[in-house]
Amino acid sequence: MPEKNYRIGEAAELLNLKTHVLRFWETEFPQLAPLRTDKGQRLYTESHLALLRRIRQLLHEQGMTIEGARRVLEGSAVLDENLPERVAAVPDPAFMQMLKRELTSVRRLLAGQ
């Protein structure tokens, strides 16, 4: 049995969201790429609806930023189960090295005073 497809208005109504929100989220979350008809109308599958529910949960219920939600969905950040409204980001090693060098430099400057 083929998966049911929903037009943008139907999907928005099922999710209790506005259609412009779905269109905006498409631009912010690369995983969200609805099918298109020959006339360019968006068609959302059940898989798309599940992803939209997850995005809505992260943004509206967890209070995350779009960037934070994007990182969770991409797997570069994880939800901290002890603090469900917070995101524990996985640190970027290159950034952490640069930060360590900067802080060491600041420490030396302060020690010289």
PDB file of N, CA and C in Angstrom:
ATOM      1  N   MET A   1       0.842  -1.178   0.000  1.00  0.00           N
ATOM      2  CA  MET A   1       0.000   0.000   0.000  1.00  0.00           C
ATOM      3  C   MET A   1       0.887   1.242   0.000  1.00  0.00           C
ATOM      4  N   PRO A   2       0.730   2.133  -0.957  1.00  0.00           N
ATOM      5  CA  PRO A   2       1.592   3.306  -1.033  1.00  0.00           C
ATOM      6  C   PRO A   2       1.342   4.272   0.127  1.00  0.00           C
ATOM      7  N   GLU A   3       2.408   4.993   0.481  1.00  0.00           N
ATOM      8  CA  GLU A   3       2.327   5.963   1.559  1.00  0.00           C
ATOM      9  C   GLU A   3       1.434   7.138   1.139  1.00  0.00           C
ATOM     10  N   LYS A   4       0.585   7.598   2.046  1.00  0.00           N
ATOM     11  CA  LYS A   4      -0.320   8.712   1.745  1.00  0.00           C
ATOM     12  C   LYS A   4       0.475  10.007   1.651  1.00  0.00           C
ATOM     13  N   ASN A   5       0.096  10.848   0.711  1.00  0.00           N
ATOM     14  CA  ASN A   5       0.705  12.160   0.554  1.00  0.00           C
ATOM     15  C   ASN A   5      -0.294  13.233   0.966  1.00  0.00           C
ATOM     16  N   TYR A   6       0.233  14.281   1.595  1.00  0.00           N
ATOM     17  CA  TYR A   6      -0.597  15.377   2.074  1.00  0.00           C
ATOM     18  C   TYR A   6      -0.132  16.672   1.432  1.00  0.00           C
ATOM     19  N   ARG A   7      -1.058  17.470   0.949  1.00  0.00           N
ATOM     20  CA  ARG A   7      -0.719  18.800   0.450  1.00  0.00           C
ATOM     21  C   ARG A   7      -0.340  19.671   1.647  1.00  0.00           C
ATOM     22  N   ILE A   8       0.303  20.786   1.373  1.00  0.00           N
ATOM     23  CA  ILE A   8       0.832  21.619   2.449  1.00  0.00           C
ATOM     24  C   ILE A   8      -0.249  22.059   3.430  1.00  0.00           C
ATOM     25  N   GLY A   9      -1.423  22.409   2.929  1.00  0.00           N
ATOM     26  CA  GLY A   9      -2.508  22.830   3.824  1.00  0.00           C
ATOM     27  C   GLY A   9      -2.969  21.707   4.728  1.00  0.00           C
ATOM     28  N   GLU A  10      -3.047  20.500   4.181  1.00  0.00           N
ATOM     29  CA  GLU A  10      -3.450  19.333   4.977  1.00  0.00           C
ATOM     30  C   GLU A  10      -2.399  19.027   6.040  1.00  0.00           C
ATOM     31  N   ALA A  11      -1.126  19.059   5.632  1.00  0.00           N
ATOM     32  CA  ALA A  11      -0.040  18.780   6.575  1.00  0.00           C
ATOM     33  C   ALA A  11      -0.029  19.816   7.693  1.00  0.00           C
ATOM     34  N   ALA A  12      -0.161  21.081   7.327  1.00  0.00           N
ATOM     35  CA  ALA A  12      -0.157  22.154   8.323  1.00  0.00           C
ATOM     36  C   ALA A  12      -1.306  21.976   9.310  1.00  0.00           C
ATOM     37  N   GLU A  13      -2.479  21.616   8.802  1.00  0.00           N
ATOM     38  CA  GLU A  13      -3.642  21.426   9.676  1.00  0.00           C
ATOM     39  C   GLU A  13      -3.423  20.250  10.625  1.00  0.00           C
ATOM     40  N   LEU A  14      -2.880  19.148  10.106  1.00  0.00           N
ATOM     41  CA  LEU A  14      -2.607  17.984  10.962  1.00  0.00           C
ATOM     42  C   LEU A  14      -1.625  18.317  12.081  1.00  0.00           C
ATOM     43  N   LEU A  15      -0.689  19.201  11.798  1.00  0.00           N
ATOM     44  CA  LEU A  15       0.360  19.549  12.758  1.00  0.00           C
ATOM     45  C   LEU A  15       0.027  20.791  13.573  1.00  0.00           C
ATOM     46  N   ASN A  16      -1.118  21.401  13.281  1.00  0.00           N
ATOM     47  CA  ASN A  16      -1.519  22.633  13.950  1.00  0.00           C
ATOM     48  C   ASN A  16      -0.463  23.740  13.764  1.00  0.00           C
ATOM     49  N   LEU A  17      -0.016  23.872  12.526  1.00  0.00           N
ATOM     50  CA  LEU A  17       0.955  24.899  12.144  1.00  0.00           C
ATOM     51  C   LEU A  17       0.420  25.663  10.949  1.00  0.00           C
ATOM     52  N   LYS A  18       1.008  26.786  10.666  1.00  0.00           N
ATOM     53  CA  LYS A  18       0.651  27.572   9.481  1.00  0.00           C
ATOM     54  C   LYS A  18       1.493  27.083   8.297  1.00  0.00           C
ATOM     55  N   THR A  19       0.954  27.240   7.096  1.00  0.00           N
ATOM     56  CA  THR A  19       1.681  26.786   5.908  1.00  0.00           C
ATOM     57  C   THR A  19       2.998  27.527   5.726  1.00  0.00           C
ATOM     58  N   HIS A  20       3.036  28.810   6.088  1.00  0.00           N
ATOM     59  CA  HIS A  20       4.292  29.549   5.923  1.00  0.00           C
ATOM     60  C   HIS A  20       5.389  29.007   6.837  1.00  0.00           C
ATOM     61  N   VAL A  21       4.997  28.429   7.964  1.00  0.00           N
ATOM     62  CA  VAL A  21       5.977  27.821   8.875  1.00  0.00           C
ATOM     63  C   VAL A  21       6.611  26.607   8.203  1.00  0.00           C
ATOM     64  N   LEU A  22       5.800  25.780   7.555  1.00  0.00           N
ATOM     65  CA  LEU A  22       6.337  24.604   6.861  1.00  0.00           C
ATOM     66  C   LEU A  22       7.285  25.029   5.746  1.00  0.00           C
ATOM     67  N   ARG A  23       6.898  26.049   4.993  1.00  0.00           N
ATOM     68  CA  ARG A  23       7.773  26.524   3.908  1.00  0.00           C
ATOM     69  C   ARG A  23       9.077  27.068   4.464  1.00  0.00           C
ATOM     70  N   PHE A  24       9.004  27.802   5.584  1.00  0.00           N
ATOM     71  CA  PHE A  24      10.220  28.336   6.199  1.00  0.00           C
ATOM     72  C   PHE A  24      11.116  27.212   6.701  1.00  0.00           C
ATOM     73  N   TRP A  25      10.534  26.228   7.376  1.00  0.00           N
ATOM     74  CA  TRP A  25      11.330  25.120   7.892  1.00  0.00           C
ATOM     75  C   TRP A  25      12.036  24.365   6.775  1.00  0.00           C
ATOM     76  N   GLU A  26      11.426  24.315   5.601  1.00  0.00           N
ATOM     77  CA  GLU A  26      12.097  23.692   4.449  1.00  0.00           C
ATOM     78  C   GLU A  26      13.427  24.358   4.159  1.00  0.00           C
ATOM     79  N   THR A  27      13.472  25.676   4.332  1.00  0.00           N
ATOM     80  CA  THR A  27      14.718  26.409   4.049  1.00  0.00           C
ATOM     81  C   THR A  27      15.750  26.219   5.147  1.00  0.00           C
ATOM     82  N   GLU A  28      15.316  25.860   6.340  1.00  0.00           N
ATOM     83  CA  GLU A  28      16.215  25.747   7.494  1.00  0.00           C
ATOM     84  C   GLU A  28      16.678  24.326   7.788  1.00  0.00           C
ATOM     85  N   PHE A  29      15.910  23.345   7.347  1.00  0.00           N
ATOM     86  CA  PHE A  29      16.232  21.953   7.644  1.00  0.00           C
ATOM     87  C   PHE A  29      16.367  21.187   6.329  1.00  0.00           C
ATOM     88  N   PRO A  30      17.596  20.911   5.905  1.00  0.00           N
ATOM     89  CA  PRO A  30      17.808  20.253   4.612  1.00  0.00           C
ATOM     90  C   PRO A  30      17.176  18.865   4.514  1.00  0.00           C
ATOM     91  N   GLN A  31      16.939  18.218   5.657  1.00  0.00           N
ATOM     92  CA  GLN A  31      16.313  16.891   5.651  1.00  0.00           C
ATOM     93  C   GLN A  31      14.863  16.957   5.178  1.00  0.00           C
ATOM     94  N   LEU A  32      14.269  18.136   5.298  1.00  0.00           N
ATOM     95  CA  LEU A  32      12.865  18.309   4.949  1.00  0.00           C
ATOM     96  C   LEU A  32      12.761  18.748   3.492  1.00  0.00           C
ATOM     97  N   ALA A  33      12.471  17.805   2.635  1.00  0.00           N
ATOM     98  CA  ALA A  33      12.361  18.086   1.197  1.00  0.00           C
ATOM     99  C   ALA A  33      11.123  17.378   0.662  1.00  0.00           C
ATOM    100  N   PRO A  34       9.966  18.030   0.766  1.00  0.00           N
ATOM    101  CA  PRO A  34       8.743  17.375   0.303  1.00  0.00           C
ATOM    102  C   PRO A  34       8.780  17.105  -1.198  1.00  0.00           C
ATOM    103  N   LEU A  35       7.986  16.137  -1.585  1.00  0.00           N
ATOM    104  CA  LEU A  35       7.846  15.839  -3.007  1.00  0.00           C
ATOM    105  C   LEU A  35       7.155  17.014  -3.673  1.00  0.00           C
ATOM    106  N   ARG A  36       7.252  17.095  -4.978  1.00  0.00           N
ATOM    107  CA  ARG A  36       6.570  18.157  -5.730  1.00  0.00           C
ATOM    108  C   ARG A  36       5.762  17.537  -6.859  1.00  0.00           C
ATOM    109  N   THR A  37       4.590  18.102  -7.089  1.00  0.00           N
ATOM    110  CA  THR A  37       3.791  17.679  -8.240  1.00  0.00           C
ATOM    111  C   THR A  37       4.370  18.354  -9.476  1.00  0.00           C
ATOM    112  N   ASP A  38       3.840  18.002 -10.639  1.00  0.00           N
ATOM    113  CA  ASP A  38       4.274  18.648 -11.878  1.00  0.00           C
ATOM    114  C   ASP A  38       4.038  20.153 -11.845  1.00  0.00           C
ATOM    115  N   LYS A  39       3.042  20.573 -11.072  1.00  0.00           N
ATOM    116  CA  LYS A  39       2.726  21.998 -10.960  1.00  0.00           C
ATOM    117  C   LYS A  39       3.484  22.667  -9.814  1.00  0.00           C
ATOM    118  N   GLY A  40       4.353  21.913  -9.118  1.00  0.00           N
ATOM    119  CA  GLY A  40       5.166  22.487  -8.053  1.00  0.00           C
ATOM    120  C   GLY A  40       4.544  22.472  -6.670  1.00  0.00           C
ATOM    121  N   GLN A  41       3.382  21.844  -6.525  1.00  0.00           N
ATOM    122  CA  GLN A  41       2.757  21.778  -5.206  1.00  0.00           C
ATOM    123  C   GLN A  41       3.517  20.798  -4.319  1.00  0.00           C
ATOM    124  N   ARG A  42       3.673  21.173  -3.059  1.00  0.00           N
ATOM    125  CA  ARG A  42       4.366  20.321  -2.103  1.00  0.00           C
ATOM    126  C   ARG A  42       3.469  19.158  -1.691  1.00  0.00           C
ATOM    127  N   LEU A  43       4.080  17.977  -1.582  1.00  0.00           N
ATOM    128  CA  LEU A  43       3.394  16.796  -1.066  1.00  0.00           C
ATOM    129  C   LEU A  43       4.241  16.209   0.055  1.00  0.00           C
ATOM    130  N   TYR A  44       3.649  16.100   1.220  1.00  0.00           N
ATOM    131  CA  TYR A  44       4.340  15.579   2.391  1.00  0.00           C
ATOM    132  C   TYR A  44       3.910  14.138   2.644  1.00  0.00           C
ATOM    133  N   THR A  45       4.881  13.271   2.894  1.00  0.00           N
ATOM    134  CA  THR A  45       4.608  11.875   3.224  1.00  0.00           C
ATOM    135  C   THR A  45       4.505  11.740   4.747  1.00  0.00           C
ATOM    136  N   GLU A  46       4.155  10.555   5.207  1.00  0.00           N
ATOM    137  CA  GLU A  46       4.125  10.292   6.655  1.00  0.00           C
ATOM    138  C   GLU A  46       5.508  10.514   7.263  1.00  0.00           C
ATOM    139  N   SER A  47       6.554  10.171   6.515  1.00  0.00           N
ATOM    140  CA  SER A  47       7.923  10.385   7.003  1.00  0.00           C
ATOM    141  C   SER A  47       8.197  11.868   7.190  1.00  0.00           C
ATOM    142  N   HIS A  48       7.739  12.681   6.247  1.00  0.00           N
ATOM    143  CA  HIS A  48       7.896  14.131   6.375  1.00  0.00           C
ATOM    144  C   HIS A  48       7.140  14.639   7.599  1.00  0.00           C
ATOM    145  N   LEU A  49       5.925  14.120   7.803  1.00  0.00           N
ATOM    146  CA  LEU A  49       5.131  14.553   8.957  1.00  0.00           C
ATOM    147  C   LEU A  49       5.822  14.190  10.271  1.00  0.00           C
ATOM    148  N   ALA A  50       6.449  13.016  10.313  1.00  0.00           N
ATOM    149  CA  ALA A  50       7.181  12.616  11.520  1.00  0.00           C
ATOM    150  C   ALA A  50       8.344  13.572  11.773  1.00  0.00           C
ATOM    151  N   LEU A  51       9.055  13.941  10.716  1.00  0.00           N
ATOM    152  CA  LEU A  51      10.156  14.893  10.852  1.00  0.00           C
ATOM    153  C   LEU A  51       9.627  16.261  11.298  1.00  0.00           C
ATOM    154  N   LEU A  52       8.530  16.694  10.727  1.00  0.00           N
ATOM    155  CA  LEU A  52       7.937  17.980  11.119  1.00  0.00           C
ATOM    156  C   LEU A  52       7.496  17.962  12.581  1.00  0.00           C
ATOM    157  N   ARG A  53       6.966  16.836  13.040  1.00  0.00           N
ATOM    158  CA  ARG A  53       6.582  16.728  14.456  1.00  0.00           C
ATOM    159  C   ARG A  53       7.813  16.846  15.351  1.00  0.00           C
ATOM    160  N   ARG A  54       8.896  16.225  14.917  1.00  0.00           N
ATOM    161  CA  ARG A  54      10.142  16.285  15.699  1.00  0.00           C
ATOM    162  C   ARG A  54      10.678  17.719  15.731  1.00  0.00           C
ATOM    163  N   ILE A  55      10.664  18.395  14.590  1.00  0.00           N
ATOM    164  CA  ILE A  55      11.121  19.788  14.532  1.00  0.00           C
ATOM    165  C   ILE A  55      10.246  20.653  15.437  1.00  0.00           C
ATOM    166  N   ARG A  56       8.933  20.469  15.352  1.00  0.00           N
ATOM    167  CA  ARG A  56       8.013  21.236  16.199  1.00  0.00           C
ATOM    168  C   ARG A  56       8.301  20.985  17.676  1.00  0.00           C
ATOM    169  N   GLN A  57       8.560  19.723  18.023  1.00  0.00           N
ATOM    170  CA  GLN A  57       8.865  19.398  19.415  1.00  0.00           C
ATOM    171  C   GLN A  57      10.131  20.114  19.871  1.00  0.00           C
ATOM    172  N   LEU A  58      11.178  20.057  19.061  1.00  0.00           N
ATOM    173  CA  LEU A  58      12.440  20.683  19.433  1.00  0.00           C
ATOM    174  C   LEU A  58      12.305  22.199  19.559  1.00  0.00           C
ATOM    175  N   LEU A  59      11.622  22.814  18.608  1.00  0.00           N
ATOM    176  CA  LEU A  59      11.504  24.276  18.611  1.00  0.00           C
ATOM    177  C   LEU A  59      10.453  24.785  19.584  1.00  0.00           C
ATOM    178  N   HIS A  60       9.263  24.229  19.528  1.00  0.00           N
ATOM    179  CA  HIS A  60       8.152  24.770  20.307  1.00  0.00           C
ATOM    180  C   HIS A  60       8.062  24.214  21.721  1.00  0.00           C
ATOM    181  N   GLU A  61       8.355  22.932  21.886  1.00  0.00           N
ATOM    182  CA  GLU A  61       8.214  22.321  23.207  1.00  0.00           C
ATOM    183  C   GLU A  61       9.510  22.358  24.006  1.00  0.00           C
ATOM    184  N   GLN A  62      10.628  22.114  23.331  1.00  0.00           N
ATOM    185  CA  GLN A  62      11.914  22.133  24.022  1.00  0.00           C
ATOM    186  C   GLN A  62      12.504  23.541  24.087  1.00  0.00           C
ATOM    187  N   GLY A  63      11.982  24.447  23.259  1.00  0.00           N
ATOM    188  CA  GLY A  63      12.458  25.825  23.277  1.00  0.00           C
ATOM    189  C   GLY A  63      13.823  26.018  22.650  1.00  0.00           C
ATOM    190  N   MET A  64      14.208  25.122  21.767  1.00  0.00           N
ATOM    191  CA  MET A  64      15.522  25.210  21.138  1.00  0.00           C
ATOM    192  C   MET A  64      15.515  26.245  20.017  1.00  0.00           C
ATOM    193  N   THR A  65      16.706  26.697  19.668  1.00  0.00           N
ATOM    194  CA  THR A  65      16.856  27.555  18.500  1.00  0.00           C
ATOM    195  C   THR A  65      16.827  26.678  17.253  1.00  0.00           C
ATOM    196  N   ILE A  66      16.665  27.309  16.104  1.00  0.00           N
ATOM    197  CA  ILE A  66      16.693  26.550  14.849  1.00  0.00           C
ATOM    198  C   ILE A  66      18.048  25.881  14.694  1.00  0.00           C
ATOM    199  N   GLU A  67      19.118  26.610  14.997  1.00  0.00           N
ATOM    200  CA  GLU A  67      20.464  26.032  14.879  1.00  0.00           C
ATOM    201  C   GLU A  67      20.615  24.826  15.806  1.00  0.00           C
ATOM    202  N   GLY A  68      20.125  24.933  17.033  1.00  0.00           N
ATOM    203  CA  GLY A  68      20.206  23.816  17.972  1.00  0.00           C
ATOM    204  C   GLY A  68      19.417  22.617  17.481  1.00  0.00           C
ATOM    205  N   ALA A  69      18.218  22.860  16.985  1.00  0.00           N
ATOM    206  CA  ALA A  69      17.389  21.763  16.462  1.00  0.00           C
ATOM    207  C   ALA A  69      18.054  21.130  15.248  1.00  0.00           C
ATOM    208  N   ARG A  70      18.634  21.971  14.396  1.00  0.00           N
ATOM    209  CA  ARG A  70      19.325  21.452  13.211  1.00  0.00           C
ATOM    210  C   ARG A  70      20.474  20.540  13.641  1.00  0.00           C
ATOM    211  N   ARG A  71      21.215  20.949  14.659  1.00  0.00           N
ATOM    212  CA  ARG A  71      22.341  20.133  15.130  1.00  0.00           C
ATOM    213  C   ARG A  71      21.871  18.803  15.713  1.00  0.00           C
ATOM    214  N   VAL A  72      20.771  18.828  16.443  1.00  0.00           N
ATOM    215  CA  VAL A  72      20.228  17.578  16.992  1.00  0.00           C
ATOM    216  C   VAL A  72      19.827  16.647  15.858  1.00  0.00           C
ATOM    217  N   LEU A  73      19.132  17.188  14.869  1.00  0.00           N
ATOM    218  CA  LEU A  73      18.678  16.359  13.753  1.00  0.00           C
ATOM    219  C   LEU A  73      19.838  15.831  12.922  1.00  0.00           C
ATOM    220  N   GLU A  74      20.919  16.604  12.817  1.00  0.00           N
ATOM    221  CA  GLU A  74      22.089  16.169  12.055  1.00  0.00           C
ATOM    222  C   GLU A  74      22.960  15.214  12.862  1.00  0.00           C
ATOM    223  N   GLY A  75      22.726  15.147  14.164  1.00  0.00           N
ATOM    224  CA  GLY A  75      23.519  14.252  15.003  1.00  0.00           C
ATOM    225  C   GLY A  75      24.769  14.888  15.571  1.00  0.00           C
ATOM    226  N   SER A  76      24.996  16.202  15.357  1.00  0.00           N
ATOM    227  CA  SER A  76      26.188  16.840  15.902  1.00  0.00           C
ATOM    228  C   SER A  76      25.939  17.409  17.295  1.00  0.00           C
ATOM    229  N   ALA A  77      24.729  17.231  17.807  1.00  0.00           N
ATOM    230  CA  ALA A  77      24.403  17.584  19.184  1.00  0.00           C
ATOM    231  C   ALA A  77      23.383  16.562  19.664  1.00  0.00           C
ATOM    232  N   VAL A  78      23.343  16.391  20.953  1.00  0.00           N
ATOM    233  CA  VAL A  78      22.406  15.435  21.521  1.00  0.00           C
ATOM    234  C   VAL A  78      21.596  16.115  22.609  1.00  0.00           C
ATOM    235  N   LEU A  79      20.384  15.646  22.804  1.00  0.00           N
ATOM    236  CA  LEU A  79      19.587  16.151  23.908  1.00  0.00           C
ATOM    237  C   LEU A  79      20.136  15.574  25.196  1.00  0.00           C
ATOM    238  N   ASP A  80      20.304  16.400  26.186  1.00  0.00           N
ATOM    239  CA  ASP A  80      20.728  15.955  27.501  1.00  0.00           C
ATOM    240  C   ASP A  80      19.482  15.426  28.205  1.00  0.00           C
ATOM    241  N   GLU A  81      19.442  14.132  28.442  1.00  0.00           N
ATOM    242  CA  GLU A  81      18.251  13.512  29.020  1.00  0.00           C
ATOM    243  C   GLU A  81      17.985  14.008  30.439  1.00  0.00           C
ATOM    244  N   ASN A  82      19.029  14.434  31.157  1.00  0.00           N
ATOM    245  CA  ASN A  82      18.835  14.946  32.511  1.00  0.00           C
ATOM    246  C   ASN A  82      18.249  16.352  32.492  1.00  0.00           C
ATOM    247  N   LEU A  83      18.515  17.089  31.433  1.00  0.00           N
ATOM    248  CA  LEU A  83      17.980  18.431  31.258  1.00  0.00           C
ATOM    249  C   LEU A  83      17.286  18.470  29.911  1.00  0.00           C
ATOM    250  N   PRO A  84      16.068  17.968  29.824  1.00  0.00           N
ATOM    251  CA  PRO A  84      15.425  17.791  28.525  1.00  0.00           C
ATOM    252  C   PRO A  84      15.242  19.064  27.724  1.00  0.00           C
ATOM    253  N   GLU A  85      15.315  20.230  28.343  1.00  0.00           N
ATOM    254  CA  GLU A  85      15.138  21.460  27.595  1.00  0.00           C
ATOM    255  C   GLU A  85      16.461  22.049  27.155  1.00  0.00           C
ATOM    256  N   ARG A  86      17.536  21.358  27.383  1.00  0.00           N
ATOM    257  CA  ARG A  86      18.858  21.862  27.029  1.00  0.00           C
ATOM    258  C   ARG A  86      19.496  20.945  25.999  1.00  0.00           C
ATOM    259  N   VAL A  87      20.425  21.480  25.257  1.00  0.00           N
ATOM    260  CA  VAL A  87      21.176  20.692  24.294  1.00  0.00           C
ATOM    261  C   VAL A  87      22.624  20.687  24.721  1.00  0.00           C
ATOM    262  N   ALA A  88      23.193  19.504  24.772  1.00  0.00           N
ATOM    263  CA  ALA A  88      24.615  19.384  25.044  1.00  0.00           C
ATOM    264  C   ALA A  88      25.311  19.228  23.698  1.00  0.00           C
ATOM    265  N   ALA A  89      25.952  20.277  23.246  1.00  0.00           N
ATOM    266  CA  ALA A  89      26.600  20.246  21.936  1.00  0.00           C
ATOM    267  C   ALA A  89      27.871  19.415  22.004  1.00  0.00           C
ATOM    268  N   VAL A  90      28.146  18.701  20.951  1.00  0.00           N
ATOM    269  CA  VAL A  90      29.391  17.967  20.828  1.00  0.00           C
ATOM    270  C   VAL A  90      30.440  18.983  20.397  1.00  0.00           C
ATOM    271  N   PRO A  91      31.485  19.212  21.214  1.00  0.00           N
ATOM    272  CA  PRO A  91      32.437  20.270  20.879  1.00  0.00           C
ATOM    273  C   PRO A  91      33.241  19.957  19.618  1.00  0.00           C
ATOM    274  N   ASP A  92      33.514  20.996  18.865  1.00  0.00           N
ATOM    275  CA  ASP A  92      34.352  20.892  17.674  1.00  0.00           C
ATOM    276  C   ASP A  92      35.810  20.925  18.132  1.00  0.00           C
ATOM    277  N   PRO A  93      36.615  19.885  17.861  1.00  0.00           N
ATOM    278  CA  PRO A  93      37.992  19.838  18.349  1.00  0.00           C
ATOM    279  C   PRO A  93      38.836  21.032  17.897  1.00  0.00           C
ATOM    280  N   ALA A  94      38.693  21.466  16.659  1.00  0.00           N
ATOM    281  CA  ALA A  94      39.484  22.603  16.173  1.00  0.00           C
ATOM    282  C   ALA A  94      39.124  23.868  16.939  1.00  0.00           C
ATOM    283  N   PHE A  95      37.828  24.069  17.187  1.00  0.00           N
ATOM    284  CA  PHE A  95      37.393  25.243  17.949  1.00  0.00           C
ATOM    285  C   PHE A  95      37.932  25.183  19.374  1.00  0.00           C
ATOM    286  N   MET A  96      37.881  24.006  19.970  1.00  0.00           N
ATOM    287  CA  MET A  96      38.357  23.865  21.348  1.00  0.00           C
ATOM    288  C   MET A  96      39.859  24.148  21.448  1.00  0.00           C
ATOM    289  N   GLN A  97      40.645  23.727  20.455  1.00  0.00           N
ATOM    290  CA  GLN A  97      42.082  24.019  20.449  1.00  0.00           C
ATOM    291  C   GLN A  97      42.328  25.519  20.340  1.00  0.00           C
ATOM    292  N   MET A  98      41.592  26.182  19.435  1.00  0.00           N
ATOM    293  CA  MET A  98      41.731  27.622  19.262  1.00  0.00           C
ATOM    294  C   MET A  98      41.351  28.338  20.556  1.00  0.00           C
ATOM    295  N   LEU A  99      40.279  27.907  21.197  1.00  0.00           N
ATOM    296  CA  LEU A  99      39.830  28.517  22.442  1.00  0.00           C
ATOM    297  C   LEU A  99      40.872  28.339  23.537  1.00  0.00           C
ATOM    298  N   LYS A 100      41.466  27.159  23.601  1.00  0.00           N
ATOM    299  CA  LYS A 100      42.504  26.891  24.600  1.00  0.00           C
ATOM    300  C   LYS A 100      43.697  27.821  24.387  1.00  0.00           C
ATOM    301  N   ARG A 101      44.110  27.988  23.125  1.00  0.00           N
ATOM    302  CA  ARG A 101      45.228  28.902  22.834  1.00  0.00           C
ATOM    303  C   ARG A 101      44.892  30.331  23.244  1.00  0.00           C
ATOM    304  N   GLU A 102      43.676  30.767  22.931  1.00  0.00           N
ATOM    305  CA  GLU A 102      43.259  32.134  23.284  1.00  0.00           C
ATOM    306  C   GLU A 102      43.236  32.327  24.796  1.00  0.00           C
ATOM    307  N   LEU A 103      42.690  31.362  25.519  1.00  0.00           N
ATOM    308  CA  LEU A 103      42.622  31.485  26.971  1.00  0.00           C
ATOM    309  C   LEU A 103      44.009  31.435  27.612  1.00  0.00           C
ATOM    310  N   THR A 104      44.887  30.618  27.060  1.00  0.00           N
ATOM    311  CA  THR A 104      46.265  30.569  27.553  1.00  0.00           C
ATOM    312  C   THR A 104      46.938  31.916  27.337  1.00  0.00           C
ATOM    313  N   SER A 105      46.704  32.517  26.195  1.00  0.00           N
ATOM    314  CA  SER A 105      47.260  33.832  25.894  1.00  0.00           C
ATOM    315  C   SER A 105      46.729  34.889  26.866  1.00  0.00           C
ATOM    316  N   VAL A 106      45.456  34.856  27.164  1.00  0.00           N
ATOM    317  CA  VAL A 106      44.860  35.801  28.110  1.00  0.00           C
ATOM    318  C   VAL A 106      45.445  35.585  29.501  1.00  0.00           C
ATOM    319  N   ARG A 107      45.626  34.325  29.894  1.00  0.00           N
ATOM    320  CA  ARG A 107      46.208  34.021  31.206  1.00  0.00           C
ATOM    321  C   ARG A 107      47.605  34.606  31.320  1.00  0.00           C
ATOM    322  N   ARG A 108      48.400  34.458  30.271  1.00  0.00           N
ATOM    323  CA  ARG A 108      49.766  35.025  30.282  1.00  0.00           C
ATOM    324  C   ARG A 108      49.735  36.536  30.409  1.00  0.00           C
ATOM    325  N   LEU A 109      48.814  37.173  29.678  1.00  0.00           N
ATOM    326  CA  LEU A 109      48.689  38.631  29.773  1.00  0.00           C
ATOM    327  C   LEU A 109      48.325  39.077  31.185  1.00  0.00           C
ATOM    328  N   LEU A 110      47.396  38.369  31.793  1.00  0.00           N
ATOM    329  CA  LEU A 110      46.967  38.735  33.145  1.00  0.00           C
ATOM    330  C   LEU A 110      48.056  38.447  34.182  1.00  0.00           C
ATOM    331  N   ALA A 111      48.806  37.400  33.989  1.00  0.00           N
ATOM    332  CA  ALA A 111      49.874  37.047  34.924  1.00  0.00           C
ATOM    333  C   ALA A 111      51.002  38.080  34.880  1.00  0.00           C
ATOM    334  N   GLY A 112      51.171  38.720  33.738  1.00  0.00           N
ATOM    335  CA  GLY A 112      52.240  39.722  33.591  1.00  0.00           C
ATOM    336  C   GLY A 112      51.904  41.068  34.207  1.00  0.00           C
ATOM    337  N   GLN A 113      50.698  41.260  34.695  1.00  0.00           N
ATOM    338  CA  GLN A 113      50.305  42.553  35.262  1.00  0.00           C
ATOM    339  C   GLN A 113      50.709  42.691  36.700  1.00  0.00           C
TER     340      GLN A 113
END
